[in-house]
Every structure is written in C-alpha cells, then in structure tokens.
Amino acid sequence: SACTSAWMLTMIWLIRRDPVRPREPGAPGILADLVEGFRYVGRTPSLLFLLSLSFAGGLLIRPFHDLLPGFADTVFGRGAEGLATLNAAAGLGALAGALFLLVRGRTEGLTRIMLTGAFAAGSALLLFTLTERFWLAAGFIFLVSLSLLSVQVGSNSLLQTIARPDMRGRTISMSSSVSVGGPALGALIMGFLADRFGLQTVLGLSAVAGIAIYIVLAPALLRHRKSMEHDHHRQIDVAPAS
C-alpha cells in the first residue's frame, strides 16, 4: 500500500501544471460557473449521452461489487474464501481491461468498444445472477469488471477529448460525481430491495434495466461517434442556447 501511494504521489508531482490565473474582478462566481457547466453539458448532446451512459452503468451495474459478500455467503455458501475469489476475479478483469486500453492507446473506435463493454457487462451480470456454479460465476464477474472498466475509461477519455478547454474541468467534475454517486445510490437501493426480493432477483432485474438503457442510448452515441473520436475540442455538436 505504501509503495502504491508513493507511486501515485510521484505521478501527480510529475504532471505539468498551467499557472493559476487570479480571478478577474467582476468575473462570475463558483455557483455561476457550476450553472454554466450544466448548461454546456445540457446543450452538448455527445457529453450528455456519455454522462447518461456512465450514470446508468454506475446506478444499475457497478453496485454488484457491494453485493458480492451476500452472494459469496448466501447464494454460493463459500463465505470469506468465496468472497476473496470473487474480488480477485473482479480485480483481474479490471486489470485486463486497463492493459487492453493502454496497449490500444487511441480514441478512434472507443465508442464501439465502450458500447460493446456496456452490453457485455449487463449480459455477464445477468448470467452471474442466474448461475449456481461458483467458478462459472467468478468467470462472469471477471467479464463484468473488464467490460465496466472499458466503459468507464472510454467515457472519461472521450469526455476529456471533446469538452471545450474552459469547460473540461467542470465536465470532469460532473463525471466524477456520477462515477461516485451512481454506485453508492444503486447499492443503497439494491441492498434495501434485496432484503425483500432476494439478491439474485434484484441484481438480475437491475442488469436487464441497464441493458435496456444501453439499447436506448447506443444509436445516439453512434450518431456522434465521429465528432467524439476525431473532432477534438470543437463544438460542432453543440446546439444553440435558447
């Protein structure tokens, strides 16, 4: 843990930073900046669709990790050892996804990879809730984690690519809020419902709902694919403000 923290601190220290410019007299305040950020995202379809995809995955798919202890104990009867195996499968999946995107190293084609990952994550999670074979379930968790990472990294990469430089910070902050808040809210709701309807039923229906939302968002994202992947920092997909 100490080595990992030292590595992260070193990487942060090596980041090139632009000089901080003092706020000009009469410039809009923080609240006005925040409102303008929401307006910018609202009138930029590609950003809105990307954030919607991230929120859907965070709310409906990513909470699976918080429910793994219940699956390991109640569904599979494996206790702490089973939970460790499922967590290891999730970690290996995330690592595999990260290595794939790192080696690939370009934005072209990210939209299709992201959508494929979204559908794969929902499908693998649904299969996870349907199986009673522990090692098969661990394999599905590996696929869920790998696929979700491709969605998360792909979305963040495209957000930073297409956001206007003066709006990039606000756009990333919204993405971070969605990434943290979505899974937390989803885990709270699913945990409450699981006590009444069962872990497998609740998580399975959540996976189906996630797939349904992905089906709705996919055509819109594919329509904006070229502008998201190639037209860096241009506003060609920004509708006029009313």
Protein backbone atom coordinates (compact mmCIF):
# COMPACT_ATOMS: atom_id res chain seq x y z
CA SER A 1 0.00 0.00 0.00
CA ALA A 2 2.83 2.40 0.84
CA CYS A 3 4.56 1.66 -2.47
CA THR A 4 1.34 2.26 -4.39
CA SER A 5 0.78 5.57 -2.61
CA ALA A 6 4.36 6.64 -3.28
CA TRP A 7 3.95 5.79 -6.96
CA MET A 8 0.74 7.82 -7.23
CA LEU A 9 2.28 10.81 -5.45
CA THR A 10 5.24 10.70 -7.83
CA MET A 11 2.97 10.62 -10.88
CA ILE A 12 0.94 13.55 -9.55
CA TRP A 13 4.12 15.51 -8.86
CA LEU A 14 5.29 14.94 -12.46
CA ILE A 15 2.09 16.32 -14.01
CA ARG A 16 2.67 19.57 -15.86
CA ARG A 17 0.54 22.33 -14.40
CA ASP A 18 -0.52 25.55 -16.04
CA PRO A 19 0.00 28.69 -13.95
CA VAL A 20 -3.04 29.57 -11.88
CA ARG A 21 -4.51 32.83 -13.10
CA PRO A 22 -6.20 35.03 -10.50
CA ARG A 23 -9.93 35.54 -10.93
CA GLU A 24 -10.61 38.83 -12.66
CA PRO A 25 -12.69 41.46 -10.84
CA GLY A 26 -16.36 41.05 -11.74
CA ALA A 27 -15.86 37.50 -13.06
CA PRO A 28 -18.70 35.01 -12.41
CA GLY A 29 -18.59 33.21 -9.07
CA ILE A 30 -18.33 29.50 -8.38
CA LEU A 31 -22.10 28.98 -8.45
CA ALA A 32 -22.40 30.75 -11.81
CA ASP A 33 -19.54 28.63 -13.17
CA LEU A 34 -21.32 25.49 -12.00
CA VAL A 35 -24.59 26.51 -13.61
CA GLU A 36 -22.80 27.33 -16.86
CA GLY A 37 -21.17 23.89 -16.76
CA PHE A 38 -24.57 22.20 -16.51
CA ARG A 39 -25.88 24.34 -19.35
CA TYR A 40 -22.90 23.46 -21.51
CA VAL A 41 -23.38 19.74 -20.96
CA GLY A 42 -27.14 20.08 -21.50
CA ARG A 43 -26.71 21.65 -24.93
CA THR A 44 -23.86 19.34 -25.98
CA PRO A 45 -25.56 16.05 -26.93
CA SER A 46 -22.42 13.91 -27.02
CA LEU A 47 -21.44 14.91 -23.47
CA LEU A 48 -24.98 14.40 -22.21
CA PHE A 49 -25.19 10.92 -23.72
CA LEU A 50 -21.79 9.92 -22.33
CA LEU A 51 -22.70 11.06 -18.82
CA SER A 52 -26.06 9.27 -19.11
CA LEU A 53 -24.29 6.06 -20.10
CA SER A 54 -21.90 6.39 -17.14
CA PHE A 55 -24.73 7.09 -14.72
CA ALA A 56 -26.77 4.11 -15.95
CA GLY A 57 -23.79 1.80 -15.51
CA GLY A 58 -22.97 3.26 -12.12
CA LEU A 59 -26.51 3.01 -10.81
CA LEU A 60 -27.53 -0.36 -12.25
CA ILE A 61 -24.39 -2.43 -12.90
CA ARG A 62 -21.48 -1.30 -10.73
CA PRO A 63 -23.24 -1.89 -7.37
CA PHE A 64 -22.67 -5.63 -7.95
CA HIS A 65 -19.37 -5.27 -6.08
CA ASP A 66 -21.11 -4.17 -2.87
CA LEU A 67 -23.42 -7.19 -3.08
CA LEU A 68 -20.66 -9.77 -3.55
CA PRO A 69 -20.43 -10.61 0.19
CA GLY A 70 -24.09 -11.62 0.13
CA PHE A 71 -23.62 -13.75 -2.98
CA ALA A 72 -20.49 -15.44 -1.61
CA ASP A 73 -22.21 -16.36 1.64
CA THR A 74 -25.93 -16.73 0.92
CA VAL A 75 -26.03 -17.85 -2.72
CA PHE A 76 -22.85 -19.90 -3.05
CA GLY A 77 -22.18 -20.79 0.61
CA ARG A 78 -18.45 -20.06 0.23
CA GLY A 79 -18.01 -17.49 2.99
CA ALA A 80 -14.88 -15.35 3.21
CA GLU A 81 -12.90 -17.60 0.86
CA GLY A 82 -15.55 -17.29 -1.82
CA LEU A 83 -15.68 -13.52 -1.41
CA ALA A 84 -11.92 -13.32 -1.82
CA THR A 85 -12.15 -15.33 -5.04
CA LEU A 86 -14.91 -13.14 -6.47
CA ASN A 87 -13.00 -9.98 -5.55
CA ALA A 88 -9.87 -11.40 -7.16
CA ALA A 89 -11.82 -12.17 -10.34
CA ALA A 90 -13.13 -8.60 -10.40
CA GLY A 91 -9.62 -7.22 -9.89
CA LEU A 92 -8.15 -9.36 -12.65
CA GLY A 93 -10.92 -8.28 -15.00
CA ALA A 94 -10.26 -4.61 -14.32
CA LEU A 95 -6.52 -5.14 -14.81
CA ALA A 96 -7.09 -6.94 -18.12
CA GLY A 97 -9.34 -4.15 -19.35
CA ALA A 98 -6.85 -1.48 -18.34
CA LEU A 99 -3.99 -3.25 -20.10
CA PHE A 100 -6.05 -3.67 -23.26
CA LEU A 101 -6.92 0.04 -23.43
CA LEU A 102 -3.35 1.03 -22.53
CA VAL A 103 -1.86 -1.03 -25.35
CA ARG A 104 -4.51 0.21 -27.77
CA GLY A 105 -3.80 3.84 -26.93
CA ARG A 106 -6.08 5.82 -29.27
CA THR A 107 -9.55 7.35 -29.27
CA GLU A 108 -10.62 6.01 -32.67
CA GLY A 109 -13.09 3.18 -32.14
CA LEU A 110 -13.58 3.94 -28.43
CA THR A 111 -17.32 4.48 -28.84
CA ARG A 112 -17.89 0.97 -30.19
CA ILE A 113 -15.60 -0.54 -27.55
CA MET A 114 -17.46 1.37 -24.85
CA LEU A 115 -20.89 0.25 -26.07
CA THR A 116 -19.72 -3.34 -26.52
CA GLY A 117 -18.40 -3.23 -22.97
CA ALA A 118 -21.69 -1.84 -21.68
CA PHE A 119 -23.76 -4.62 -23.26
CA ALA A 120 -21.21 -7.26 -22.23
CA ALA A 121 -21.23 -6.03 -18.62
CA GLY A 122 -25.02 -6.15 -18.40
CA SER A 123 -25.22 -9.57 -20.05
CA ALA A 124 -22.44 -11.09 -17.93
CA LEU A 125 -24.01 -9.71 -14.76
CA LEU A 126 -27.37 -11.20 -15.71
CA LEU A 127 -25.73 -14.59 -16.29
CA PHE A 128 -23.94 -14.25 -12.94
CA THR A 129 -27.27 -13.93 -11.16
CA LEU A 130 -28.67 -16.99 -12.95
CA THR A 131 -25.87 -19.48 -12.33
CA GLU A 132 -25.38 -21.60 -9.23
CA ARG A 133 -21.89 -22.78 -10.23
CA PHE A 134 -19.36 -20.81 -8.25
CA TRP A 135 -16.42 -20.90 -10.66
CA LEU A 136 -18.64 -20.04 -13.59
CA ALA A 137 -19.94 -17.11 -11.54
CA ALA A 138 -16.35 -15.99 -10.90
CA GLY A 139 -15.75 -16.02 -14.65
CA PHE A 140 -18.80 -13.84 -15.21
CA ILE A 141 -17.56 -11.39 -12.57
CA PHE A 142 -14.24 -11.23 -14.43
CA LEU A 143 -16.12 -10.28 -17.61
CA VAL A 144 -18.33 -7.74 -15.81
CA SER A 145 -15.33 -5.97 -14.32
CA LEU A 146 -13.35 -6.00 -17.57
CA SER A 147 -16.30 -4.64 -19.52
CA LEU A 148 -17.20 -1.96 -16.98
CA LEU A 149 -13.66 -0.63 -16.99
CA SER A 150 -13.77 -0.23 -20.76
CA VAL A 151 -16.97 1.80 -20.35
CA GLN A 152 -15.57 3.97 -17.58
CA VAL A 153 -12.19 4.64 -19.17
CA GLY A 154 -13.69 5.07 -22.63
CA SER A 155 -16.24 7.56 -21.35
CA ASN A 156 -13.65 9.57 -19.41
CA SER A 157 -11.29 9.63 -22.39
CA LEU A 158 -13.99 10.86 -24.77
CA LEU A 159 -15.25 13.44 -22.27
CA GLN A 160 -11.78 14.96 -21.99
CA THR A 161 -11.33 14.81 -25.75
CA ILE A 162 -14.50 16.61 -26.77
CA ALA A 163 -15.03 19.04 -23.89
CA ARG A 164 -14.10 22.65 -24.53
CA PRO A 165 -10.85 23.51 -22.70
CA ASP A 166 -12.55 26.10 -20.49
CA MET A 167 -15.29 23.60 -19.63
CA ARG A 168 -13.16 20.49 -19.27
CA GLY A 169 -12.70 20.79 -15.51
CA ARG A 170 -16.41 21.20 -14.88
CA THR A 171 -17.24 18.33 -17.21
CA ILE A 172 -14.77 16.02 -15.47
CA SER A 173 -16.15 17.03 -12.07
CA MET A 174 -19.64 16.02 -13.22
CA SER A 175 -18.27 12.72 -14.48
CA SER A 176 -16.56 12.11 -11.13
CA SER A 177 -19.78 12.88 -9.26
CA VAL A 178 -21.65 10.40 -11.46
CA SER A 179 -18.95 7.75 -11.01
CA VAL A 180 -19.01 8.03 -7.21
CA GLY A 181 -22.66 8.84 -6.60
CA GLY A 182 -24.23 6.37 -9.03
CA PRO A 183 -22.82 3.16 -7.48
CA ALA A 184 -23.43 4.44 -3.94
CA LEU A 185 -27.08 5.20 -4.68
CA GLY A 186 -27.52 1.95 -6.59
CA ALA A 187 -26.02 -0.13 -3.77
CA LEU A 188 -28.30 1.57 -1.23
CA ILE A 189 -31.43 0.88 -3.28
CA MET A 190 -30.45 -2.69 -4.20
CA GLY A 191 -29.49 -3.55 -0.64
CA PHE A 192 -32.89 -2.36 0.57
CA LEU A 193 -34.77 -4.31 -2.12
CA ALA A 194 -32.62 -7.44 -1.76
CA ASP A 195 -33.90 -7.95 1.79
CA ARG A 196 -37.40 -8.27 0.38
CA PHE A 197 -36.98 -9.89 -3.02
CA GLY A 198 -33.60 -11.65 -2.90
CA LEU A 199 -30.14 -10.79 -4.18
CA GLN A 200 -30.37 -12.67 -7.46
CA THR A 201 -33.75 -11.23 -8.42
CA VAL A 202 -32.83 -7.62 -7.67
CA LEU A 203 -29.41 -7.69 -9.32
CA GLY A 204 -30.76 -9.62 -12.31
CA LEU A 205 -33.54 -7.09 -12.91
CA SER A 206 -31.02 -4.29 -12.50
CA ALA A 207 -28.85 -5.86 -15.20
CA VAL A 208 -31.86 -6.10 -17.53
CA ALA A 209 -32.71 -2.43 -16.88
CA GLY A 210 -29.11 -1.47 -17.62
CA ILE A 211 -29.15 -3.34 -20.93
CA ALA A 212 -32.45 -1.65 -21.86
CA ILE A 213 -30.98 1.82 -21.21
CA TYR A 214 -27.87 0.95 -23.22
CA ILE A 215 -30.11 -0.05 -26.14
CA VAL A 216 -31.79 3.38 -25.98
CA LEU A 217 -28.50 5.31 -25.76
CA ALA A 218 -26.50 3.31 -28.32
CA PRO A 219 -27.97 4.85 -31.53
CA ALA A 220 -27.42 8.39 -30.23
CA LEU A 221 -23.82 7.69 -29.26
CA LEU A 222 -23.10 6.05 -32.61
CA ARG A 223 -24.50 9.10 -34.42
CA HIS A 224 -21.99 11.31 -32.62
CA ARG A 225 -19.14 8.80 -32.89
CA LYS A 226 -17.06 10.66 -35.47
CA SER A 227 -17.29 14.02 -33.72
CA MET A 228 -16.40 12.45 -30.37
CA GLU A 229 -13.42 10.49 -31.63
CA HIS A 230 -11.92 12.83 -34.23
CA ASP A 231 -13.02 16.46 -33.85
CA HIS A 232 -11.07 17.40 -30.76
CA HIS A 233 -12.22 20.46 -28.79
CA ARG A 234 -14.71 21.56 -31.46
CA GLN A 235 -18.32 22.40 -30.74
CA ILE A 236 -19.86 21.07 -33.91
CA ASP A 237 -22.43 19.12 -31.88
CA VAL A 238 -23.43 21.98 -29.60
CA ALA A 239 -26.98 23.18 -30.14
CA PRO A 240 -27.65 26.91 -29.88
CA ALA A 241 -28.62 28.05 -26.42
CA SER A 242 -32.20 29.19 -26.14
